[in-house]
Amino acid sequence: MDKLEPISSENIRTYSLKERPSKVRIDDFGKPLRSGGDMSLWIKSLPKILAGNDFRMVVNNILQAVCSGNMIILAVGAYIVKIVVNI
């Protein structure tokens, strides 16, 4: 195997994190849920990024289906069923 040459740091540039564009804001993070909260407050407390948005979308779609009188079919993998049965 050939001997690897060290990487040169000569052309590396740095910049401030404040100047760096970001896709996530502090407001996007989840909030702590206070005691006595209901399910809607819990859903609102979830992060507005990644799975928090996905879960909110699923809940909204289920609510729309129920309000429209449509049938809801839920399919769950065996691992989830195994965990729930073992609890």
PDB file of N, CA and C in Angstrom:
ATOM      1  N   MET A   1       0.850  -1.170   0.000  1.00  0.00           N
ATOM      2  CA  MET A   1       0.000   0.000   0.000  1.00  0.00           C
ATOM      3  C   MET A   1       0.897   1.234   0.000  1.00  0.00           C
ATOM      4  N   ASP A   2       0.510   2.234  -0.811  1.00  0.00           N
ATOM      5  CA  ASP A   2       1.288   3.471  -0.879  1.00  0.00           C
ATOM      6  C   ASP A   2       1.107   4.277   0.388  1.00  0.00           C
ATOM      7  N   LYS A   3       2.156   4.992   0.742  1.00  0.00           N
ATOM      8  CA  LYS A   3       2.094   5.849   1.916  1.00  0.00           C
ATOM      9  C   LYS A   3       1.263   7.081   1.574  1.00  0.00           C
ATOM     10  N   LEU A   4       0.296   7.437   2.441  1.00  0.00           N
ATOM     11  CA  LEU A   4      -0.577   8.579   2.193  1.00  0.00           C
ATOM     12  C   LEU A   4       0.109   9.876   2.592  1.00  0.00           C
ATOM     13  N   GLU A   5      -0.109  10.890   1.782  1.00  0.00           N
ATOM     14  CA  GLU A   5       0.436  12.213   2.057  1.00  0.00           C
ATOM     15  C   GLU A   5      -0.515  12.957   2.998  1.00  0.00           C
ATOM     16  N   PRO A   6      -0.011  13.738   3.940  1.00  0.00           N
ATOM     17  CA  PRO A   6      -0.889  14.514   4.816  1.00  0.00           C
ATOM     18  C   PRO A   6      -1.691  15.536   4.012  1.00  0.00           C
ATOM     19  N   ILE A   7      -2.894  15.816   4.467  1.00  0.00           N
ATOM     20  CA  ILE A   7      -3.741  16.796   3.803  1.00  0.00           C
ATOM     21  C   ILE A   7      -3.265  18.192   4.178  1.00  0.00           C
ATOM     22  N   SER A   8      -3.179  19.053   3.189  1.00  0.00           N
ATOM     23  CA  SER A   8      -2.748  20.429   3.424  1.00  0.00           C
ATOM     24  C   SER A   8      -3.916  21.258   3.949  1.00  0.00           C
ATOM     25  N   SER A   9      -3.663  22.068   4.955  1.00  0.00           N
ATOM     26  CA  SER A   9      -4.691  22.959   5.493  1.00  0.00           C
ATOM     27  C   SER A   9      -4.534  24.373   4.949  1.00  0.00           C
ATOM     28  N   GLU A  10      -3.742  24.510   3.928  1.00  0.00           N
ATOM     29  CA  GLU A  10      -3.414  25.820   3.375  1.00  0.00           C
ATOM     30  C   GLU A  10      -4.645  26.540   2.805  1.00  0.00           C
ATOM     31  N   ASN A  11      -5.547  25.831   2.162  1.00  0.00           N
ATOM     32  CA  ASN A  11      -6.698  26.465   1.506  1.00  0.00           C
ATOM     33  C   ASN A  11      -7.984  26.411   2.338  1.00  0.00           C
ATOM     34  N   ILE A  12      -7.895  26.056   3.600  1.00  0.00           N
ATOM     35  CA  ILE A  12      -9.078  25.984   4.446  1.00  0.00           C
ATOM     36  C   ILE A  12      -9.448  27.390   4.916  1.00  0.00           C
ATOM     37  N   ARG A  13     -10.734  27.715   4.763  1.00  0.00           N
ATOM     38  CA  ARG A  13     -11.232  29.009   5.226  1.00  0.00           C
ATOM     39  C   ARG A  13     -12.276  28.766   6.307  1.00  0.00           C
ATOM     40  N   THR A  14     -12.354  29.653   7.253  1.00  0.00           N
ATOM     41  CA  THR A  14     -13.342  29.537   8.322  1.00  0.00           C
ATOM     42  C   THR A  14     -14.291  30.728   8.260  1.00  0.00           C
ATOM     43  N   TYR A  15     -15.456  30.578   8.884  1.00  0.00           N
ATOM     44  CA  TYR A  15     -16.398  31.682   8.989  1.00  0.00           C
ATOM     45  C   TYR A  15     -17.207  31.503  10.266  1.00  0.00           C
ATOM     46  N   SER A  16     -17.820  32.567  10.705  1.00  0.00           N
ATOM     47  CA  SER A  16     -18.563  32.583  11.954  1.00  0.00           C
ATOM     48  C   SER A  16     -19.830  31.740  11.844  1.00  0.00           C
ATOM     49  N   LEU A  17     -20.194  31.073  12.933  1.00  0.00           N
ATOM     50  CA  LEU A  17     -21.444  30.316  12.947  1.00  0.00           C
ATOM     51  C   LEU A  17     -22.655  31.240  12.791  1.00  0.00           C
ATOM     52  N   LYS A  18     -22.546  32.469  13.251  1.00  0.00           N
ATOM     53  CA  LYS A  18     -23.645  33.419  13.095  1.00  0.00           C
ATOM     54  C   LYS A  18     -23.903  33.732  11.623  1.00  0.00           C
ATOM     55  N   GLU A  19     -22.860  33.683  10.798  1.00  0.00           N
ATOM     56  CA  GLU A  19     -23.000  33.971   9.371  1.00  0.00           C
ATOM     57  C   GLU A  19     -23.446  32.747   8.580  1.00  0.00           C
ATOM     58  N   ARG A  20     -23.344  31.587   9.175  1.00  0.00           N
ATOM     59  CA  ARG A  20     -23.653  30.342   8.487  1.00  0.00           C
ATOM     60  C   ARG A  20     -25.161  30.177   8.336  1.00  0.00           C
ATOM     61  N   PRO A  21     -25.651  29.936   7.120  1.00  0.00           N
ATOM     62  CA  PRO A  21     -27.092  29.711   6.963  1.00  0.00           C
ATOM     63  C   PRO A  21     -27.487  28.379   7.595  1.00  0.00           C
ATOM     64  N   SER A  22     -28.671  28.334   8.181  1.00  0.00           N
ATOM     65  CA  SER A  22     -29.134  27.123   8.845  1.00  0.00           C
ATOM     66  C   SER A  22     -30.581  26.849   8.469  1.00  0.00           C
ATOM     67  N   LYS A  23     -30.942  25.577   8.375  1.00  0.00           N
ATOM     68  CA  LYS A  23     -32.312  25.188   8.059  1.00  0.00           C
ATOM     69  C   LYS A  23     -33.160  25.070   9.324  1.00  0.00           C
ATOM     70  N   VAL A  24     -32.539  25.102  10.490  1.00  0.00           N
ATOM     71  CA  VAL A  24     -33.245  24.907  11.752  1.00  0.00           C
ATOM     72  C   VAL A  24     -33.103  26.157  12.610  1.00  0.00           C
ATOM     73  N   ARG A  25     -34.235  26.571  13.186  1.00  0.00           N
ATOM     74  CA  ARG A  25     -34.236  27.712  14.101  1.00  0.00           C
ATOM     75  C   ARG A  25     -34.539  27.211  15.513  1.00  0.00           C
ATOM     76  N   ILE A  26     -34.251  28.016  16.487  1.00  0.00           N
ATOM     77  CA  ILE A  26     -34.511  27.639  17.883  1.00  0.00           C
ATOM     78  C   ILE A  26     -36.003  27.361  18.084  1.00  0.00           C
ATOM     79  N   ASP A  27     -36.862  28.119  17.412  1.00  0.00           N
ATOM     80  CA  ASP A  27     -38.311  27.925  17.549  1.00  0.00           C
ATOM     81  C   ASP A  27     -38.776  26.569  17.030  1.00  0.00           C
ATOM     82  N   ASP A  28     -37.937  25.897  16.228  1.00  0.00           N
ATOM     83  CA  ASP A  28     -38.309  24.595  15.661  1.00  0.00           C
ATOM     84  C   ASP A  28     -38.162  23.454  16.660  1.00  0.00           C
ATOM     85  N   PHE A  29     -37.441  23.660  17.742  1.00  0.00           N
ATOM     86  CA  PHE A  29     -37.223  22.593  18.716  1.00  0.00           C
ATOM     87  C   PHE A  29     -38.486  22.371  19.550  1.00  0.00           C
ATOM     88  N   GLY A  30     -38.596  21.186  20.123  1.00  0.00           N
ATOM     89  CA  GLY A  30     -39.745  20.855  20.971  1.00  0.00           C
ATOM     90  C   GLY A  30     -39.715  21.655  22.261  1.00  0.00           C
ATOM     91  N   LYS A  31     -40.867  21.751  22.870  1.00  0.00           N
ATOM     92  CA  LYS A  31     -41.000  22.474  24.138  1.00  0.00           C
ATOM     93  C   LYS A  31     -41.385  21.480  25.232  1.00  0.00           C
ATOM     94  N   PRO A  32     -40.952  21.705  26.466  1.00  0.00           N
ATOM     95  CA  PRO A  32     -41.361  20.816  27.559  1.00  0.00           C
ATOM     96  C   PRO A  32     -42.870  20.899  27.767  1.00  0.00           C
ATOM     97  N   LEU A  33     -43.467  19.768  28.044  1.00  0.00           N
ATOM     98  CA  LEU A  33     -44.904  19.711  28.299  1.00  0.00           C
ATOM     99  C   LEU A  33     -45.141  19.884  29.788  1.00  0.00           C
ATOM    100  N   ARG A  34     -46.027  20.775  30.139  1.00  0.00           N
ATOM    101  CA  ARG A  34     -46.334  21.014  31.550  1.00  0.00           C
ATOM    102  C   ARG A  34     -47.342  19.986  32.037  1.00  0.00           C
ATOM    103  N   SER A  35     -47.311  19.709  33.306  1.00  0.00           N
ATOM    104  CA  SER A  35     -48.240  18.729  33.864  1.00  0.00           C
ATOM    105  C   SER A  35     -49.675  19.216  33.677  1.00  0.00           C
ATOM    106  N   GLY A  36     -50.558  18.252  33.465  1.00  0.00           N
ATOM    107  CA  GLY A  36     -51.963  18.568  33.260  1.00  0.00           C
ATOM    108  C   GLY A  36     -52.318  18.857  31.817  1.00  0.00           C
ATOM    109  N   GLY A  37     -51.343  18.769  30.922  1.00  0.00           N
ATOM    110  CA  GLY A  37     -51.606  19.025  29.513  1.00  0.00           C
ATOM    111  C   GLY A  37     -52.369  17.887  28.866  1.00  0.00           C
ATOM    112  N   ASP A  38     -53.100  18.195  27.810  1.00  0.00           N
ATOM    113  CA  ASP A  38     -53.827  17.157  27.092  1.00  0.00           C
ATOM    114  C   ASP A  38     -53.058  16.749  25.836  1.00  0.00           C
ATOM    115  N   MET A  39     -53.661  15.849  25.053  1.00  0.00           N
ATOM    116  CA  MET A  39     -52.983  15.314  23.868  1.00  0.00           C
ATOM    117  C   MET A  39     -52.687  16.409  22.839  1.00  0.00           C
ATOM    118  N   SER A  40     -53.590  17.351  22.666  1.00  0.00           N
ATOM    119  CA  SER A  40     -53.341  18.411  21.679  1.00  0.00           C
ATOM    120  C   SER A  40     -52.158  19.285  22.096  1.00  0.00           C
ATOM    121  N   LEU A  41     -52.009  19.554  23.386  1.00  0.00           N
ATOM    122  CA  LEU A  41     -50.839  20.314  23.850  1.00  0.00           C
ATOM    123  C   LEU A  41     -49.558  19.524  23.660  1.00  0.00           C
ATOM    124  N   TRP A  42     -49.640  18.206  23.859  1.00  0.00           N
ATOM    125  CA  TRP A  42     -48.465  17.361  23.643  1.00  0.00           C
ATOM    126  C   TRP A  42     -48.040  17.396  22.184  1.00  0.00           C
ATOM    127  N   ILE A  43     -49.002  17.295  21.272  1.00  0.00           N
ATOM    128  CA  ILE A  43     -48.692  17.330  19.840  1.00  0.00           C
ATOM    129  C   ILE A  43     -48.092  18.681  19.468  1.00  0.00           C
ATOM    130  N   LYS A  44     -48.629  19.767  20.024  1.00  0.00           N
ATOM    131  CA  LYS A  44     -48.085  21.103  19.741  1.00  0.00           C
ATOM    132  C   LYS A  44     -46.676  21.271  20.308  1.00  0.00           C
ATOM    133  N   SER A  45     -46.336  20.516  21.349  1.00  0.00           N
ATOM    134  CA  SER A  45     -45.014  20.654  21.975  1.00  0.00           C
ATOM    135  C   SER A  45     -43.920  19.913  21.206  1.00  0.00           C
ATOM    136  N   LEU A  46     -44.302  19.046  20.274  1.00  0.00           N
ATOM    137  CA  LEU A  46     -43.309  18.279  19.517  1.00  0.00           C
ATOM    138  C   LEU A  46     -42.479  19.204  18.632  1.00  0.00           C
ATOM    139  N   PRO A  47     -41.261  18.786  18.269  1.00  0.00           N
ATOM    140  CA  PRO A  47     -40.435  19.630  17.389  1.00  0.00           C
ATOM    141  C   PRO A  47     -41.117  19.846  16.038  1.00  0.00           C
ATOM    142  N   LYS A  48     -40.822  20.972  15.423  1.00  0.00           N
ATOM    143  CA  LYS A  48     -41.376  21.291  14.110  1.00  0.00           C
ATOM    144  C   LYS A  48     -40.435  20.838  13.001  1.00  0.00           C
ATOM    145  N   ILE A  49     -39.613  19.862  13.292  1.00  0.00           N
ATOM    146  CA  ILE A  49     -38.666  19.319  12.321  1.00  0.00           C
ATOM    147  C   ILE A  49     -38.712  17.792  12.381  1.00  0.00           C
ATOM    148  N   LEU A  50     -38.246  17.162  11.339  1.00  0.00           N
ATOM    149  CA  LEU A  50     -38.097  15.711  11.252  1.00  0.00           C
ATOM    150  C   LEU A  50     -39.377  14.964  11.616  1.00  0.00           C
ATOM    151  N   ALA A  51     -39.318  14.005  12.505  1.00  0.00           N
ATOM    152  CA  ALA A  51     -40.468  13.148  12.806  1.00  0.00           C
ATOM    153  C   ALA A  51     -41.600  13.905  13.487  1.00  0.00           C
ATOM    154  N   GLY A  52     -41.312  15.008  14.150  1.00  0.00           N
ATOM    155  CA  GLY A  52     -42.375  15.808  14.760  1.00  0.00           C
ATOM    156  C   GLY A  52     -43.358  16.299  13.711  1.00  0.00           C
ATOM    157  N   ASN A  53     -42.850  16.789  12.586  1.00  0.00           N
ATOM    158  CA  ASN A  53     -43.717  17.216  11.478  1.00  0.00           C
ATOM    159  C   ASN A  53     -44.445  16.039  10.862  1.00  0.00           C
ATOM    160  N   ASP A  54     -43.751  14.928  10.690  1.00  0.00           N
ATOM    161  CA  ASP A  54     -44.380  13.739  10.103  1.00  0.00           C
ATOM    162  C   ASP A  54     -45.539  13.256  10.969  1.00  0.00           C
ATOM    163  N   PHE A  55     -45.331  13.207  12.276  1.00  0.00           N
ATOM    164  CA  PHE A  55     -46.371  12.740  13.187  1.00  0.00           C
ATOM    165  C   PHE A  55     -47.574  13.676  13.145  1.00  0.00           C
ATOM    166  N   ARG A  56     -47.305  14.993  13.145  1.00  0.00           N
ATOM    167  CA  ARG A  56     -48.379  15.972  13.078  1.00  0.00           C
ATOM    168  C   ARG A  56     -49.199  15.805  11.802  1.00  0.00           C
ATOM    169  N   MET A  57     -48.527  15.518  10.689  1.00  0.00           N
ATOM    170  CA  MET A  57     -49.210  15.315   9.422  1.00  0.00           C
ATOM    171  C   MET A  57     -50.117  14.076   9.478  1.00  0.00           C
ATOM    172  N   VAL A  58     -49.627  12.984  10.075  1.00  0.00           N
ATOM    173  CA  VAL A  58     -50.432  11.769  10.213  1.00  0.00           C
ATOM    174  C   VAL A  58     -51.674  12.050  11.065  1.00  0.00           C
ATOM    175  N   VAL A  59     -51.491  12.742  12.178  1.00  0.00           N
ATOM    176  CA  VAL A  59     -52.619  13.072  13.054  1.00  0.00           C
ATOM    177  C   VAL A  59     -53.644  13.911  12.295  1.00  0.00           C
ATOM    178  N   ASN A  60     -53.180  14.913  11.554  1.00  0.00           N
ATOM    179  CA  ASN A  60     -54.104  15.762  10.793  1.00  0.00           C
ATOM    180  C   ASN A  60     -54.849  14.967   9.732  1.00  0.00           C
ATOM    181  N   ASN A  61     -54.160  14.056   9.055  1.00  0.00           N
ATOM    182  CA  ASN A  61     -54.819  13.239   8.033  1.00  0.00           C
ATOM    183  C   ASN A  61     -55.868  12.320   8.646  1.00  0.00           C
ATOM    184  N   ILE A  62     -55.576  11.752   9.812  1.00  0.00           N
ATOM    185  CA  ILE A  62     -56.554  10.899  10.491  1.00  0.00           C
ATOM    186  C   ILE A  62     -57.768  11.723  10.908  1.00  0.00           C
ATOM    187  N   LEU A  63     -57.526  12.919  11.447  1.00  0.00           N
ATOM    188  CA  LEU A  63     -58.642  13.784  11.847  1.00  0.00           C
ATOM    189  C   LEU A  63     -59.513  14.172  10.656  1.00  0.00           C
ATOM    190  N   GLN A  64     -58.886  14.482   9.530  1.00  0.00           N
ATOM    191  CA  GLN A  64     -59.652  14.826   8.328  1.00  0.00           C
ATOM    192  C   GLN A  64     -60.490  13.643   7.866  1.00  0.00           C
ATOM    193  N   ALA A  65     -59.924  12.438   7.925  1.00  0.00           N
ATOM    194  CA  ALA A  65     -60.667  11.252   7.510  1.00  0.00           C
ATOM    195  C   ALA A  65     -61.858  11.011   8.430  1.00  0.00           C
ATOM    196  N   VAL A  66     -61.657  11.144   9.730  1.00  0.00           N
ATOM    197  CA  VAL A  66     -62.746  10.943  10.695  1.00  0.00           C
ATOM    198  C   VAL A  66     -63.851  11.970  10.470  1.00  0.00           C
ATOM    199  N   CYS A  67     -63.468  13.232  10.309  1.00  0.00           N
ATOM    200  CA  CYS A  67     -64.461  14.290  10.098  1.00  0.00           C
ATOM    201  C   CYS A  67     -65.214  14.119   8.780  1.00  0.00           C
ATOM    202  N   SER A  68     -64.586  13.498   7.793  1.00  0.00           N
ATOM    203  CA  SER A  68     -65.218  13.263   6.494  1.00  0.00           C
ATOM    204  C   SER A  68     -66.005  11.960   6.465  1.00  0.00           C
ATOM    205  N   GLY A  69     -65.939  11.189   7.553  1.00  0.00           N
ATOM    206  CA  GLY A  69     -66.645   9.911   7.593  1.00  0.00           C
ATOM    207  C   GLY A  69     -65.942   8.803   6.836  1.00  0.00           C
ATOM    208  N   ASN A  70     -64.685   8.994   6.520  1.00  0.00           N
ATOM    209  CA  ASN A  70     -63.925   7.976   5.793  1.00  0.00           C
ATOM    210  C   ASN A  70     -63.386   6.910   6.735  1.00  0.00           C
ATOM    211  N   MET A  71     -63.117   5.736   6.181  1.00  0.00           N
ATOM    212  CA  MET A  71     -62.574   4.635   6.955  1.00  0.00           C
ATOM    213  C   MET A  71     -61.074   4.848   7.167  1.00  0.00           C
ATOM    214  N   ILE A  72     -60.580   4.441   8.309  1.00  0.00           N
ATOM    215  CA  ILE A  72     -59.162   4.516   8.612  1.00  0.00           C
ATOM    216  C   ILE A  72     -58.642   3.096   8.786  1.00  0.00           C
ATOM    217  N   ILE A  73     -57.616   2.764   8.047  1.00  0.00           N
ATOM    218  CA  ILE A  73     -56.995   1.444   8.164  1.00  0.00           C
ATOM    219  C   ILE A  73     -55.589   1.658   8.693  1.00  0.00           C
ATOM    220  N   LEU A  74     -55.264   0.978   9.772  1.00  0.00           N
ATOM    221  CA  LEU A  74     -53.950   1.113  10.384  1.00  0.00           C
ATOM    222  C   LEU A  74     -53.186  -0.191  10.217  1.00  0.00           C
ATOM    223  N   ALA A  75     -52.012  -0.118   9.647  1.00  0.00           N
ATOM    224  CA  ALA A  75     -51.163  -1.293   9.483  1.00  0.00           C
ATOM    225  C   ALA A  75     -49.915  -1.090  10.340  1.00  0.00           C
ATOM    226  N   VAL A  76     -49.601  -2.081  11.161  1.00  0.00           N
ATOM    227  CA  VAL A  76     -48.460  -1.981  12.062  1.00  0.00           C
ATOM    228  C   VAL A  76     -47.607  -3.236  11.888  1.00  0.00           C
ATOM    229  N   GLY A  77     -46.308  -3.058  11.918  1.00  0.00           N
ATOM    230  CA  GLY A  77     -45.401  -4.188  11.790  1.00  0.00           C
ATOM    231  C   GLY A  77     -45.424  -5.093  13.013  1.00  0.00           C
ATOM    232  N   ALA A  78     -44.939  -6.303  12.845  1.00  0.00           N
ATOM    233  CA  ALA A  78     -44.965  -7.308  13.908  1.00  0.00           C
ATOM    234  C   ALA A  78     -44.150  -6.880  15.123  1.00  0.00           C
ATOM    235  N   TYR A  79     -43.066  -6.154  14.927  1.00  0.00           N
ATOM    236  CA  TYR A  79     -42.232  -5.756  16.055  1.00  0.00           C
ATOM    237  C   TYR A  79     -43.024  -4.859  17.006  1.00  0.00           C
ATOM    238  N   ILE A  80     -43.797  -3.921  16.460  1.00  0.00           N
ATOM    239  CA  ILE A  80     -44.611  -3.042  17.288  1.00  0.00           C
ATOM    240  C   ILE A  80     -45.641  -3.858  18.059  1.00  0.00           C
ATOM    241  N   VAL A  81     -46.284  -4.809  17.388  1.00  0.00           N
ATOM    242  CA  VAL A  81     -47.270  -5.639  18.041  1.00  0.00           C
ATOM    243  C   VAL A  81     -46.616  -6.451  19.165  1.00  0.00           C
ATOM    244  N   LYS A  82     -45.418  -6.984  18.898  1.00  0.00           N
ATOM    245  CA  LYS A  82     -44.704  -7.765  19.902  1.00  0.00           C
ATOM    246  C   LYS A  82     -44.411  -6.919  21.139  1.00  0.00           C
ATOM    247  N   ILE A  83     -43.967  -5.679  20.940  1.00  0.00           N
ATOM    248  CA  ILE A  83     -43.637  -4.796  22.052  1.00  0.00           C
ATOM    249  C   ILE A  83     -44.893  -4.482  22.857  1.00  0.00           C
ATOM    250  N   VAL A  84     -45.991  -4.151  22.178  1.00  0.00           N
ATOM    251  CA  VAL A  84     -47.220  -3.786  22.870  1.00  0.00           C
ATOM    252  C   VAL A  84     -47.753  -4.994  23.654  1.00  0.00           C
ATOM    253  N   VAL A  85     -47.692  -6.169  23.060  1.00  0.00           N
ATOM    254  CA  VAL A  85     -48.199  -7.376  23.731  1.00  0.00           C
ATOM    255  C   VAL A  85     -47.357  -7.701  24.954  1.00  0.00           C
ATOM    256  N   ASN A  86     -46.056  -7.451  24.914  1.00  0.00           N
ATOM    257  CA  ASN A  86     -45.170  -7.780  26.023  1.00  0.00           C
ATOM    258  C   ASN A  86     -45.200  -6.774  27.166  1.00  0.00           C
ATOM    259  N   ILE A  87     -45.861  -5.661  26.984  1.00  0.00           N
ATOM    260  CA  ILE A  87     -45.873  -4.630  28.039  1.00  0.00           C
ATOM    261  C   ILE A  87     -46.778  -5.033  29.170  1.00  0.00           C
TER     262      ILE A  87
END
